[in-house]
Amino acid sequence: MILNVNLAILNMLPIPVLDGGHIVLAIIESIRRKPVNMRVLEVVQTSCAVVIIVYMLYITFFDVQDLPFVRKGLDQLRSTLGRERSANAVAGMRCTGACEALKSYRDDEPRSSTWRLSFY
């Protein structure tokens, strides 16, 4: 039931591809007393449809990453890449005394500190 109400509310948004957009278009046509140029209507509706489809793909991409079997593979990949990055960062880092002091301060602080220091 809640999904249906949410879908109805989203469908009434004044986006040209949705029903709310068609209502707005009808209001504009009744005020102007003539139809909107067909070429303008095609461009606006096509661009809005593309934006909606791209947004749906964006949301789907991040939803798929939350699936348990995908999350496990991504965590393994991140840990492997993290080890390689930290090894490369330590090998290529030239620290001064101040940098060493900051590293030791960061290691002594709890993880909830308000600032972070990154070397890569």
PDB file of N, CA and C in Angstrom:
ATOM      1  N   MET A   1       0.817  -1.191   0.000  1.00  0.00           N
ATOM      2  CA  MET A   1       0.000   0.000   0.000  1.00  0.00           C
ATOM      3  C   MET A   1       0.869   1.267   0.000  1.00  0.00           C
ATOM      4  N   ILE A   2       1.907   1.270   0.849  1.00  0.00           N
ATOM      5  CA  ILE A   2       2.776   2.450   0.928  1.00  0.00           C
ATOM      6  C   ILE A   2       3.521   2.651  -0.386  1.00  0.00           C
ATOM      7  N   LEU A   3       3.930   1.523  -1.002  1.00  0.00           N
ATOM      8  CA  LEU A   3       4.634   1.613  -2.283  1.00  0.00           C
ATOM      9  C   LEU A   3       3.738   2.248  -3.342  1.00  0.00           C
ATOM     10  N   ASN A   4       2.457   1.894  -3.338  1.00  0.00           N
ATOM     11  CA  ASN A   4       1.532   2.466  -4.318  1.00  0.00           C
ATOM     12  C   ASN A   4       1.354   3.966  -4.113  1.00  0.00           C
ATOM     13  N   VAL A   5       1.257   4.404  -2.866  1.00  0.00           N
ATOM     14  CA  VAL A   5       1.096   5.833  -2.581  1.00  0.00           C
ATOM     15  C   VAL A   5       2.360   6.589  -2.992  1.00  0.00           C
ATOM     16  N   ASN A   6       3.530   6.037  -2.666  1.00  0.00           N
ATOM     17  CA  ASN A   6       4.789   6.683  -3.056  1.00  0.00           C
ATOM     18  C   ASN A   6       4.915   6.776  -4.576  1.00  0.00           C
ATOM     19  N   LEU A   7       4.541   5.712  -5.267  1.00  0.00           N
ATOM     20  CA  LEU A   7       4.604   5.719  -6.718  1.00  0.00           C
ATOM     21  C   LEU A   7       3.647   6.749  -7.310  1.00  0.00           C
ATOM     22  N   ALA A   8       2.471   6.866  -6.721  1.00  0.00           N
ATOM     23  CA  ALA A   8       1.493   7.857  -7.204  1.00  0.00           C
ATOM     24  C   ALA A   8       2.010   9.276  -7.000  1.00  0.00           C
ATOM     25  N   ILE A   9       2.629   9.528  -5.850  1.00  0.00           N
ATOM     26  CA  ILE A   9       3.160  10.870  -5.565  1.00  0.00           C
ATOM     27  C   ILE A   9       4.303  11.189  -6.530  1.00  0.00           C
ATOM     28  N   LEU A  10       5.211  10.241  -6.736  1.00  0.00           N
ATOM     29  CA  LEU A  10       6.323  10.469  -7.666  1.00  0.00           C
ATOM     30  C   LEU A  10       5.826  10.654  -9.092  1.00  0.00           C
ATOM     31  N   ASN A  11       4.774   9.942  -9.451  1.00  0.00           N
ATOM     32  CA  ASN A  11       4.231  10.051 -10.800  1.00  0.00           C
ATOM     33  C   ASN A  11       3.600  11.419 -11.045  1.00  0.00           C
ATOM     34  N   MET A  12       3.188  12.099 -10.001  1.00  0.00           N
ATOM     35  CA  MET A  12       2.557  13.408 -10.154  1.00  0.00           C
ATOM     36  C   MET A  12       3.569  14.565 -10.154  1.00  0.00           C
ATOM     37  N   LEU A  13       4.856  14.259 -10.049  1.00  0.00           N
ATOM     38  CA  LEU A  13       5.866  15.311 -10.138  1.00  0.00           C
ATOM     39  C   LEU A  13       5.824  15.945 -11.534  1.00  0.00           C
ATOM     40  N   PRO A  14       6.072  17.240 -11.627  1.00  0.00           N
ATOM     41  CA  PRO A  14       5.970  17.913 -12.941  1.00  0.00           C
ATOM     42  C   PRO A  14       7.182  17.674 -13.839  1.00  0.00           C
ATOM     43  N   ILE A  15       7.538  16.422 -14.017  1.00  0.00           N
ATOM     44  CA  ILE A  15       8.601  16.033 -14.940  1.00  0.00           C
ATOM     45  C   ILE A  15       7.914  15.648 -16.244  1.00  0.00           C
ATOM     46  N   PRO A  16       8.352  16.170 -17.380  1.00  0.00           N
ATOM     47  CA  PRO A  16       7.607  16.003 -18.634  1.00  0.00           C
ATOM     48  C   PRO A  16       7.233  14.572 -19.011  1.00  0.00           C
ATOM     49  N   VAL A  17       8.003  13.578 -18.636  1.00  0.00           N
ATOM     50  CA  VAL A  17       7.702  12.208 -19.028  1.00  0.00           C
ATOM     51  C   VAL A  17       6.587  11.614 -18.162  1.00  0.00           C
ATOM     52  N   LEU A  18       6.462  12.083 -16.933  1.00  0.00           N
ATOM     53  CA  LEU A  18       5.491  11.530 -15.992  1.00  0.00           C
ATOM     54  C   LEU A  18       4.120  12.179 -16.172  1.00  0.00           C
ATOM     55  N   ASP A  19       3.123  11.643 -15.459  1.00  0.00           N
ATOM     56  CA  ASP A  19       1.763  12.169 -15.570  1.00  0.00           C
ATOM     57  C   ASP A  19       1.669  13.626 -15.122  1.00  0.00           C
ATOM     58  N   GLY A  20       2.418  13.989 -14.094  1.00  0.00           N
ATOM     59  CA  GLY A  20       2.412  15.376 -13.650  1.00  0.00           C
ATOM     60  C   GLY A  20       2.912  16.317 -14.724  1.00  0.00           C
ATOM     61  N   GLY A  21       3.861  15.872 -15.511  1.00  0.00           N
ATOM     62  CA  GLY A  21       4.356  16.666 -16.629  1.00  0.00           C
ATOM     63  C   GLY A  21       3.315  16.843 -17.714  1.00  0.00           C
ATOM     64  N   HIS A  22       2.531  15.803 -17.943  1.00  0.00           N
ATOM     65  CA  HIS A  22       1.454  15.913 -18.940  1.00  0.00           C
ATOM     66  C   HIS A  22       0.378  16.890 -18.463  1.00  0.00           C
ATOM     67  N   ILE A  23       0.121  16.892 -17.163  1.00  0.00           N
ATOM     68  CA  ILE A  23      -0.856  17.850 -16.612  1.00  0.00           C
ATOM     69  C   ILE A  23      -0.342  19.271 -16.774  1.00  0.00           C
ATOM     70  N   VAL A  24       0.933  19.482 -16.460  1.00  0.00           N
ATOM     71  CA  VAL A  24       1.530  20.815 -16.621  1.00  0.00           C
ATOM     72  C   VAL A  24       1.497  21.226 -18.095  1.00  0.00           C
ATOM     73  N   LEU A  25       1.798  20.308 -18.985  1.00  0.00           N
ATOM     74  CA  LEU A  25       1.747  20.600 -20.417  1.00  0.00           C
ATOM     75  C   LEU A  25       0.330  21.001 -20.850  1.00  0.00           C
ATOM     76  N   ALA A  26      -0.669  20.290 -20.326  1.00  0.00           N
ATOM     77  CA  ALA A  26      -2.058  20.637 -20.660  1.00  0.00           C
ATOM     78  C   ALA A  26      -2.421  22.022 -20.132  1.00  0.00           C
ATOM     79  N   ILE A  27      -1.931  22.363 -18.942  1.00  0.00           N
ATOM     80  CA  ILE A  27      -2.187  23.698 -18.387  1.00  0.00           C
ATOM     81  C   ILE A  27      -1.511  24.767 -19.245  1.00  0.00           C
ATOM     82  N   ILE A  28      -0.276  24.518 -19.656  1.00  0.00           N
ATOM     83  CA  ILE A  28       0.443  25.478 -20.505  1.00  0.00           C
ATOM     84  C   ILE A  28      -0.288  25.669 -21.834  1.00  0.00           C
ATOM     85  N   GLU A  29      -0.761  24.565 -22.419  1.00  0.00           N
ATOM     86  CA  GLU A  29      -1.485  24.663 -23.684  1.00  0.00           C
ATOM     87  C   GLU A  29      -2.810  25.404 -23.525  1.00  0.00           C
ATOM     88  N   SER A  30      -3.485  25.210 -22.373  1.00  0.00           N
ATOM     89  CA  SER A  30      -4.759  25.922 -22.173  1.00  0.00           C
ATOM     90  C   SER A  30      -4.531  27.416 -21.940  1.00  0.00           C
ATOM     91  N   ILE A  31      -3.414  27.774 -21.298  1.00  0.00           N
ATOM     92  CA  ILE A  31      -3.108  29.194 -21.090  1.00  0.00           C
ATOM     93  C   ILE A  31      -2.713  29.845 -22.417  1.00  0.00           C
ATOM     94  N   ARG A  32      -1.884  29.167 -23.208  1.00  0.00           N
ATOM     95  CA  ARG A  32      -1.419  29.728 -24.483  1.00  0.00           C
ATOM     96  C   ARG A  32      -2.471  29.639 -25.580  1.00  0.00           C
ATOM     97  N   ARG A  33      -3.422  28.767 -25.426  1.00  0.00           N
ATOM     98  CA  ARG A  33      -4.488  28.524 -26.413  1.00  0.00           C
ATOM     99  C   ARG A  33      -3.959  27.960 -27.740  1.00  0.00           C
ATOM    100  N   LYS A  34      -2.789  27.338 -27.668  1.00  0.00           N
ATOM    101  CA  LYS A  34      -2.260  26.632 -28.834  1.00  0.00           C
ATOM    102  C   LYS A  34      -1.297  25.556 -28.340  1.00  0.00           C
ATOM    103  N   PRO A  35      -1.119  24.490 -29.111  1.00  0.00           N
ATOM    104  CA  PRO A  35      -0.239  23.390 -28.660  1.00  0.00           C
ATOM    105  C   PRO A  35       1.235  23.799 -28.653  1.00  0.00           C
ATOM    106  N   VAL A  36       1.996  23.103 -27.798  1.00  0.00           N
ATOM    107  CA  VAL A  36       3.440  23.330 -27.728  1.00  0.00           C
ATOM    108  C   VAL A  36       4.069  22.761 -28.991  1.00  0.00           C
ATOM    109  N   ASN A  37       5.129  23.395 -29.461  1.00  0.00           N
ATOM    110  CA  ASN A  37       5.856  22.946 -30.641  1.00  0.00           C
ATOM    111  C   ASN A  37       6.283  21.492 -30.447  1.00  0.00           C
ATOM    112  N   MET A  38       6.003  20.658 -31.430  1.00  0.00           N
ATOM    113  CA  MET A  38       6.275  19.225 -31.328  1.00  0.00           C
ATOM    114  C   MET A  38       7.762  18.939 -31.164  1.00  0.00           C
ATOM    115  N   ARG A  39       8.612  19.669 -31.827  1.00  0.00           N
ATOM    116  CA  ARG A  39      10.068  19.456 -31.717  1.00  0.00           C
ATOM    117  C   ARG A  39      10.558  19.763 -30.301  1.00  0.00           C
ATOM    118  N   VAL A  40      10.066  20.854 -29.714  1.00  0.00           N
ATOM    119  CA  VAL A  40      10.444  21.205 -28.333  1.00  0.00           C
ATOM    120  C   VAL A  40       9.970  20.120 -27.375  1.00  0.00           C
ATOM    121  N   LEU A  41       8.752  19.650 -27.580  1.00  0.00           N
ATOM    122  CA  LEU A  41       8.191  18.608 -26.735  1.00  0.00           C
ATOM    123  C   LEU A  41       9.008  17.317 -26.823  1.00  0.00           C
ATOM    124  N   GLU A  42       9.433  16.944 -28.033  1.00  0.00           N
ATOM    125  CA  GLU A  42      10.248  15.738 -28.209  1.00  0.00           C
ATOM    126  C   GLU A  42      11.584  15.857 -27.495  1.00  0.00           C
ATOM    127  N   VAL A  43      12.243  17.005 -27.627  1.00  0.00           N
ATOM    128  CA  VAL A  43      13.553  17.198 -26.999  1.00  0.00           C
ATOM    129  C   VAL A  43      13.436  17.166 -25.478  1.00  0.00           C
ATOM    130  N   VAL A  44      12.446  17.856 -24.945  1.00  0.00           N
ATOM    131  CA  VAL A  44      12.283  17.914 -23.490  1.00  0.00           C
ATOM    132  C   VAL A  44      11.940  16.536 -22.934  1.00  0.00           C
ATOM    133  N   GLN A  45      11.025  15.828 -23.551  1.00  0.00           N
ATOM    134  CA  GLN A  45      10.633  14.523 -23.047  1.00  0.00           C
ATOM    135  C   GLN A  45      11.754  13.490 -23.192  1.00  0.00           C
ATOM    136  N   THR A  46      12.485  13.545 -24.291  1.00  0.00           N
ATOM    137  CA  THR A  46      13.596  12.612 -24.473  1.00  0.00           C
ATOM    138  C   THR A  46      14.694  12.871 -23.451  1.00  0.00           C
ATOM    139  N   SER A  47      15.032  14.129 -23.236  1.00  0.00           N
ATOM    140  CA  SER A  47      16.087  14.436 -22.264  1.00  0.00           C
ATOM    141  C   SER A  47      15.661  14.047 -20.856  1.00  0.00           C
ATOM    142  N   CYS A  48      14.416  14.280 -20.490  1.00  0.00           N
ATOM    143  CA  CYS A  48      13.942  13.887 -19.149  1.00  0.00           C
ATOM    144  C   CYS A  48      13.907  12.374 -19.006  1.00  0.00           C
ATOM    145  N   ALA A  49      13.521  11.656 -20.065  1.00  0.00           N
ATOM    146  CA  ALA A  49      13.525  10.196 -20.012  1.00  0.00           C
ATOM    147  C   ALA A  49      14.945   9.666 -19.829  1.00  0.00           C
ATOM    148  N   VAL A  50      15.903  10.265 -20.517  1.00  0.00           N
ATOM    149  CA  VAL A  50      17.299   9.848 -20.371  1.00  0.00           C
ATOM    150  C   VAL A  50      17.792  10.112 -18.948  1.00  0.00           C
ATOM    151  N   VAL A  51      17.446  11.255 -18.384  1.00  0.00           N
ATOM    152  CA  VAL A  51      17.861  11.572 -17.013  1.00  0.00           C
ATOM    153  C   VAL A  51      17.273  10.560 -16.033  1.00  0.00           C
ATOM    154  N   ILE A  52      16.013  10.207 -16.197  1.00  0.00           N
ATOM    155  CA  ILE A  52      15.383   9.237 -15.304  1.00  0.00           C
ATOM    156  C   ILE A  52      16.029   7.862 -15.445  1.00  0.00           C
ATOM    157  N   ILE A  53      16.322   7.440 -16.661  1.00  0.00           N
ATOM    158  CA  ILE A  53      16.951   6.131 -16.875  1.00  0.00           C
ATOM    159  C   ILE A  53      18.357   6.100 -16.290  1.00  0.00           C
ATOM    160  N   VAL A  54      19.136   7.166 -16.474  1.00  0.00           N
ATOM    161  CA  VAL A  54      20.484   7.235 -15.906  1.00  0.00           C
ATOM    162  C   VAL A  54      20.419   7.201 -14.384  1.00  0.00           C
ATOM    163  N   TYR A  55      19.461   7.896 -13.798  1.00  0.00           N
ATOM    164  CA  TYR A  55      19.294   7.885 -12.345  1.00  0.00           C
ATOM    165  C   TYR A  55      18.935   6.481 -11.851  1.00  0.00           C
ATOM    166  N   MET A  56      18.074   5.787 -12.577  1.00  0.00           N
ATOM    167  CA  MET A  56      17.712   4.418 -12.196  1.00  0.00           C
ATOM    168  C   MET A  56      18.927   3.494 -12.267  1.00  0.00           C
ATOM    169  N   LEU A  57      19.758   3.638 -13.282  1.00  0.00           N
ATOM    170  CA  LEU A  57      20.966   2.826 -13.391  1.00  0.00           C
ATOM    171  C   LEU A  57      21.949   3.140 -12.259  1.00  0.00           C
ATOM    172  N   TYR A  58      22.060   4.407 -11.902  1.00  0.00           N
ATOM    173  CA  TYR A  58      22.927   4.822 -10.797  1.00  0.00           C
ATOM    174  C   TYR A  58      22.480   4.174  -9.487  1.00  0.00           C
ATOM    175  N   ILE A  59      21.198   4.234  -9.205  1.00  0.00           N
ATOM    176  CA  ILE A  59      20.663   3.639  -7.980  1.00  0.00           C
ATOM    177  C   ILE A  59      20.844   2.124  -8.007  1.00  0.00           C
ATOM    178  N   THR A  60      20.588   1.492  -9.144  1.00  0.00           N
ATOM    179  CA  THR A  60      20.734   0.040  -9.262  1.00  0.00           C
ATOM    180  C   THR A  60      22.180  -0.382  -9.038  1.00  0.00           C
ATOM    181  N   PHE A  61      23.130   0.396  -9.547  1.00  0.00           N
ATOM    182  CA  PHE A  61      24.548   0.075  -9.371  1.00  0.00           C
ATOM    183  C   PHE A  61      24.910  -0.009  -7.894  1.00  0.00           C
ATOM    184  N   PHE A  62      24.460   0.955  -7.099  1.00  0.00           N
ATOM    185  CA  PHE A  62      24.803   0.943  -5.681  1.00  0.00           C
ATOM    186  C   PHE A  62      23.963  -0.057  -4.893  1.00  0.00           C
ATOM    187  N   ASP A  63      22.754  -0.372  -5.349  1.00  0.00           N
ATOM    188  CA  ASP A  63      21.961  -1.412  -4.690  1.00  0.00           C
ATOM    189  C   ASP A  63      22.572  -2.791  -4.899  1.00  0.00           C
ATOM    190  N   VAL A  64      23.106  -3.041  -6.087  1.00  0.00           N
ATOM    191  CA  VAL A  64      23.733  -4.338  -6.361  1.00  0.00           C
ATOM    192  C   VAL A  64      24.961  -4.526  -5.485  1.00  0.00           C
ATOM    193  N   GLN A  65      25.672  -3.466  -5.190  1.00  0.00           N
ATOM    194  CA  GLN A  65      26.849  -3.579  -4.338  1.00  0.00           C
ATOM    195  C   GLN A  65      26.493  -3.971  -2.911  1.00  0.00           C
ATOM    196  N   ASP A  66      25.252  -3.766  -2.498  1.00  0.00           N
ATOM    197  CA  ASP A  66      24.826  -4.130  -1.151  1.00  0.00           C
ATOM    198  C   ASP A  66      24.398  -5.586  -1.025  1.00  0.00           C
ATOM    199  N   LEU A  67      24.317  -6.310  -2.125  1.00  0.00           N
ATOM    200  CA  LEU A  67      23.976  -7.733  -2.058  1.00  0.00           C
ATOM    201  C   LEU A  67      25.094  -8.480  -1.341  1.00  0.00           C
ATOM    202  N   PRO A  68      24.754  -9.480  -0.506  1.00  0.00           N
ATOM    203  CA  PRO A  68      25.780 -10.146   0.322  1.00  0.00           C
ATOM    204  C   PRO A  68      26.911 -10.783  -0.477  1.00  0.00           C
ATOM    205  N   PHE A  69      26.599 -11.490  -1.568  1.00  0.00           N
ATOM    206  CA  PHE A  69      27.663 -12.159  -2.313  1.00  0.00           C
ATOM    207  C   PHE A  69      28.530 -11.172  -3.076  1.00  0.00           C
ATOM    208  N   VAL A  70      27.985 -10.019  -3.458  1.00  0.00           N
ATOM    209  CA  VAL A  70      28.769  -8.986  -4.123  1.00  0.00           C
ATOM    210  C   VAL A  70      29.612  -8.246  -3.085  1.00  0.00           C
ATOM    211  N   ARG A  71      29.027  -7.975  -1.918  1.00  0.00           N
ATOM    212  CA  ARG A  71      29.744  -7.282  -0.843  1.00  0.00           C
ATOM    213  C   ARG A  71      30.984  -8.052  -0.433  1.00  0.00           C
ATOM    214  N   LYS A  72      30.873  -9.397  -0.333  1.00  0.00           N
ATOM    215  CA  LYS A  72      32.017 -10.209   0.067  1.00  0.00           C
ATOM    216  C   LYS A  72      33.154 -10.090  -0.942  1.00  0.00           C
ATOM    217  N   GLY A  73      32.836 -10.169  -2.227  1.00  0.00           N
ATOM    218  CA  GLY A  73      33.863 -10.040  -3.261  1.00  0.00           C
ATOM    219  C   GLY A  73      34.494  -8.661  -3.271  1.00  0.00           C
ATOM    220  N   LEU A  74      33.685  -7.611  -3.080  1.00  0.00           N
ATOM    221  CA  LEU A  74      34.223  -6.247  -3.052  1.00  0.00           C
ATOM    222  C   LEU A  74      35.111  -6.029  -1.835  1.00  0.00           C
ATOM    223  N   ASP A  75      34.716  -6.598  -0.684  1.00  0.00           N
ATOM    224  CA  ASP A  75      35.552  -6.460   0.512  1.00  0.00           C
ATOM    225  C   ASP A  75      36.896  -7.143   0.324  1.00  0.00           C
ATOM    226  N   GLN A  76      36.893  -8.322  -0.316  1.00  0.00           N
ATOM    227  CA  GLN A  76      38.154  -9.007  -0.596  1.00  0.00           C
ATOM    228  C   GLN A  76      39.018  -8.181  -1.543  1.00  0.00           C
ATOM    229  N   LEU A  77      38.405  -7.610  -2.561  1.00  0.00           N
ATOM    230  CA  LEU A  77      39.143  -6.793  -3.514  1.00  0.00           C
ATOM    231  C   LEU A  77      39.713  -5.549  -2.838  1.00  0.00           C
ATOM    232  N   ARG A  78      38.907  -4.903  -1.994  1.00  0.00           N
ATOM    233  CA  ARG A  78      39.381  -3.705  -1.290  1.00  0.00           C
ATOM    234  C   ARG A  78      40.531  -4.031  -0.342  1.00  0.00           C
ATOM    235  N   SER A  79      40.450  -5.168   0.361  1.00  0.00           N
ATOM    236  CA  SER A  79      41.535  -5.513   1.275  1.00  0.00           C
ATOM    237  C   SER A  79      42.818  -5.804   0.508  1.00  0.00           C
ATOM    238  N   THR A  80      42.701  -6.460  -0.652  1.00  0.00           N
ATOM    239  CA  THR A  80      43.875  -6.725  -1.480  1.00  0.00           C
ATOM    240  C   THR A  80      44.466  -5.420  -1.997  1.00  0.00           C
ATOM    241  N   LEU A  81      43.615  -4.531  -2.507  1.00  0.00           N
ATOM    242  CA  LEU A  81      44.102  -3.246  -3.006  1.00  0.00           C
ATOM    243  C   LEU A  81      44.638  -2.383  -1.876  1.00  0.00           C
ATOM    244  N   GLY A  82      44.018  -2.457  -0.712  1.00  0.00           N
ATOM    245  CA  GLY A  82      44.483  -1.681   0.439  1.00  0.00           C
ATOM    246  C   GLY A  82      45.873  -2.089   0.867  1.00  0.00           C
ATOM    247  N   ARG A  83      46.141  -3.407   0.875  1.00  0.00           N
ATOM    248  CA  ARG A  83      47.481  -3.879   1.239  1.00  0.00           C
ATOM    249  C   ARG A  83      48.510  -3.398   0.222  1.00  0.00           C
ATOM    250  N   GLU A  84      48.158  -3.435  -1.069  1.00  0.00           N
ATOM    251  CA  GLU A  84      49.092  -2.972  -2.101  1.00  0.00           C
ATOM    252  C   GLU A  84      49.335  -1.472  -1.980  1.00  0.00           C
ATOM    253  N   ARG A  85      48.266  -0.702  -1.720  1.00  0.00           N
ATOM    254  CA  ARG A  85      48.425   0.744  -1.586  1.00  0.00           C
ATOM    255  C   ARG A  85      49.285   1.103  -0.384  1.00  0.00           C
ATOM    256  N   SER A  86      49.041   0.432   0.751  1.00  0.00           N
ATOM    257  CA  SER A  86      49.814   0.782   1.938  1.00  0.00           C
ATOM    258  C   SER A  86      51.275   0.391   1.762  1.00  0.00           C
ATOM    259  N   ALA A  87      51.541  -0.734   1.076  1.00  0.00           N
ATOM    260  CA  ALA A  87      52.927  -1.120   0.819  1.00  0.00           C
ATOM    261  C   ALA A  87      53.599  -0.112  -0.108  1.00  0.00           C
ATOM    262  N   ASN A  88      52.882   0.334  -1.140  1.00  0.00           N
ATOM    263  CA  ASN A  88      53.435   1.333  -2.052  1.00  0.00           C
ATOM    264  C   ASN A  88      53.617   2.675  -1.357  1.00  0.00           C
ATOM    265  N   ALA A  89      52.698   3.036  -0.489  1.00  0.00           N
ATOM    266  CA  ALA A  89      52.801   4.317   0.212  1.00  0.00           C
ATOM    267  C   ALA A  89      53.983   4.321   1.157  1.00  0.00           C
ATOM    268  N   VAL A  90      54.202   3.227   1.870  1.00  0.00           N
ATOM    269  CA  VAL A  90      55.327   3.159   2.804  1.00  0.00           C
ATOM    270  C   VAL A  90      56.636   3.148   2.029  1.00  0.00           C
ATOM    271  N   ALA A  91      56.670   2.452   0.905  1.00  0.00           N
ATOM    272  CA  ALA A  91      57.901   2.377   0.114  1.00  0.00           C
ATOM    273  C   ALA A  91      58.231   3.729  -0.503  1.00  0.00           C
ATOM    274  N   GLY A  92      57.232   4.504  -0.923  1.00  0.00           N
ATOM    275  CA  GLY A  92      57.491   5.761  -1.608  1.00  0.00           C
ATOM    276  C   GLY A  92      57.424   6.979  -0.722  1.00  0.00           C
ATOM    277  N   MET A  93      57.195   6.815   0.582  1.00  0.00           N
ATOM    278  CA  MET A  93      57.003   7.958   1.459  1.00  0.00           C
ATOM    279  C   MET A  93      58.336   8.404   2.068  1.00  0.00           C
ATOM    280  N   ARG A  94      58.559   9.691   2.030  1.00  0.00           N
ATOM    281  CA  ARG A  94      59.718  10.280   2.695  1.00  0.00           C
ATOM    282  C   ARG A  94      59.186  11.205   3.769  1.00  0.00           C
ATOM    283  N   CYS A  95      59.317  10.787   4.983  1.00  0.00           N
ATOM    284  CA  CYS A  95      58.743  11.549   6.087  1.00  0.00           C
ATOM    285  C   CYS A  95      59.813  12.351   6.805  1.00  0.00           C
ATOM    286  N   THR A  96      59.404  13.527   7.220  1.00  0.00           N
ATOM    287  CA  THR A  96      60.275  14.322   8.088  1.00  0.00           C
ATOM    288  C   THR A  96      59.907  14.017   9.525  1.00  0.00           C
ATOM    289  N   GLY A  97      60.544  14.681  10.456  1.00  0.00           N
ATOM    290  CA  GLY A  97      60.241  14.472  11.866  1.00  0.00           C
ATOM    291  C   GLY A  97      58.806  14.829  12.203  1.00  0.00           C
ATOM    292  N   ALA A  98      58.293  15.909  11.577  1.00  0.00           N
ATOM    293  CA  ALA A  98      56.922  16.323  11.843  1.00  0.00           C
ATOM    294  C   ALA A  98      55.942  15.267  11.327  1.00  0.00           C
ATOM    295  N   CYS A  99      56.261  14.694  10.182  1.00  0.00           N
ATOM    296  CA  CYS A  99      55.399  13.659   9.619  1.00  0.00           C
ATOM    297  C   CYS A  99      55.380  12.439  10.537  1.00  0.00           C
ATOM    298  N   GLU A 100      56.523  12.057  11.052  1.00  0.00           N
ATOM    299  CA  GLU A 100      56.587  10.927  11.980  1.00  0.00           C
ATOM    300  C   GLU A 100      55.780  11.221  13.243  1.00  0.00           C
ATOM    301  N   ALA A 101      55.866  12.455  13.722  1.00  0.00           N
ATOM    302  CA  ALA A 101      55.102  12.819  14.915  1.00  0.00           C
ATOM    303  C   ALA A 101      53.601  12.740  14.645  1.00  0.00           C
ATOM    304  N   LEU A 102      53.193  13.189  13.466  1.00  0.00           N
ATOM    305  CA  LEU A 102      51.775  13.103  13.119  1.00  0.00           C
ATOM    306  C   LEU A 102      51.322  11.656  12.992  1.00  0.00           C
ATOM    307  N   LYS A 103      52.159  10.802  12.394  1.00  0.00           N
ATOM    308  CA  LYS A 103      51.802   9.395  12.277  1.00  0.00           C
ATOM    309  C   LYS A 103      51.658   8.756  13.650  1.00  0.00           C
ATOM    310  N   SER A 104      52.594   9.027  14.559  1.00  0.00           N
ATOM    311  CA  SER A 104      52.497   8.431  15.885  1.00  0.00           C
ATOM    312  C   SER A 104      51.296   8.995  16.634  1.00  0.00           C
ATOM    313  N   TYR A 105      50.991  10.278  16.450  1.00  0.00           N
ATOM    314  CA  TYR A 105      49.809  10.871  17.090  1.00  0.00           C
ATOM    315  C   TYR A 105      48.540  10.223  16.554  1.00  0.00           C
ATOM    316  N   ARG A 106      48.499  10.004  15.246  1.00  0.00           N
ATOM    317  CA  ARG A 106      47.326   9.391  14.636  1.00  0.00           C
ATOM    318  C   ARG A 106      47.156   7.960  15.133  1.00  0.00           C
ATOM    319  N   ASP A 107      48.259   7.221  15.304  1.00  0.00           N
ATOM    320  CA  ASP A 107      48.157   5.840  15.763  1.00  0.00           C
ATOM    321  C   ASP A 107      47.725   5.766  17.224  1.00  0.00           C
ATOM    322  N   ASP A 108      48.063   6.792  18.021  1.00  0.00           N
ATOM    323  CA  ASP A 108      47.681   6.793  19.430  1.00  0.00           C
ATOM    324  C   ASP A 108      46.232   7.191  19.632  1.00  0.00           C
ATOM    325  N   GLU A 109      45.677   7.974  18.713  1.00  0.00           N
ATOM    326  CA  GLU A 109      44.308   8.466  18.843  1.00  0.00           C
ATOM    327  C   GLU A 109      43.308   7.363  18.543  1.00  0.00           C
ATOM    328  N   PRO A 110      42.142   7.422  19.156  1.00  0.00           N
ATOM    329  CA  PRO A 110      41.093   6.483  18.781  1.00  0.00           C
ATOM    330  C   PRO A 110      40.595   6.784  17.366  1.00  0.00           C
ATOM    331  N   ARG A 111      39.958   5.841  16.752  1.00  0.00           N
ATOM    332  CA  ARG A 111      39.518   5.980  15.367  1.00  0.00           C
ATOM    333  C   ARG A 111      38.416   7.017  15.204  1.00  0.00           C
ATOM    334  N   SER A 112      37.842   7.498  16.274  1.00  0.00           N
ATOM    335  CA  SER A 112      36.753   8.469  16.169  1.00  0.00           C
ATOM    336  C   SER A 112      37.256   9.905  16.142  1.00  0.00           C
ATOM    337  N   SER A 113      38.542  10.099  15.865  1.00  0.00           N
ATOM    338  CA  SER A 113      39.058  11.465  15.828  1.00  0.00           C
ATOM    339  C   SER A 113      38.417  12.238  14.680  1.00  0.00           C
ATOM    340  N   THR A 114      38.446  13.562  14.784  1.00  0.00           N
ATOM    341  CA  THR A 114      37.736  14.377  13.813  1.00  0.00           C
ATOM    342  C   THR A 114      38.543  14.655  12.559  1.00  0.00           C
ATOM    343  N   TRP A 115      39.810  14.308  12.522  1.00  0.00           N
ATOM    344  CA  TRP A 115      40.607  14.544  11.325  1.00  0.00           C
ATOM    345  C   TRP A 115      41.326  13.266  10.959  1.00  0.00           C
ATOM    346  N   ARG A 116      41.669  13.162   9.712  1.00  0.00           N
ATOM    347  CA  ARG A 116      42.380  11.992   9.223  1.00  0.00           C
ATOM    348  C   ARG A 116      43.570  12.445   8.397  1.00  0.00           C
ATOM    349  N   LEU A 117      44.613  11.676   8.412  1.00  0.00           N
ATOM    350  CA  LEU A 117      45.807  11.986   7.658  1.00  0.00           C
ATOM    351  C   LEU A 117      46.027  10.866   6.646  1.00  0.00           C
ATOM    352  N   SER A 118      46.131  11.215   5.407  1.00  0.00           N
ATOM    353  CA  SER A 118      46.292  10.202   4.374  1.00  0.00           C
ATOM    354  C   SER A 118      47.608  10.447   3.652  1.00  0.00           C
ATOM    355  N   PHE A 119      48.339   9.378   3.392  1.00  0.00           N
ATOM    356  CA  PHE A 119      49.631   9.486   2.733  1.00  0.00           C
ATOM    357  C   PHE A 119      49.590   9.028   1.279  1.00  0.00           C
ATOM    358  N   TYR A 120      48.405   8.718   0.756  1.00  0.00           N
ATOM    359  CA  TYR A 120      48.318   8.285  -0.635  1.00  0.00           C
ATOM    360  C   TYR A 120      47.109   8.819  -1.286  1.00  0.00           C
TER     361      TYR A 120
END
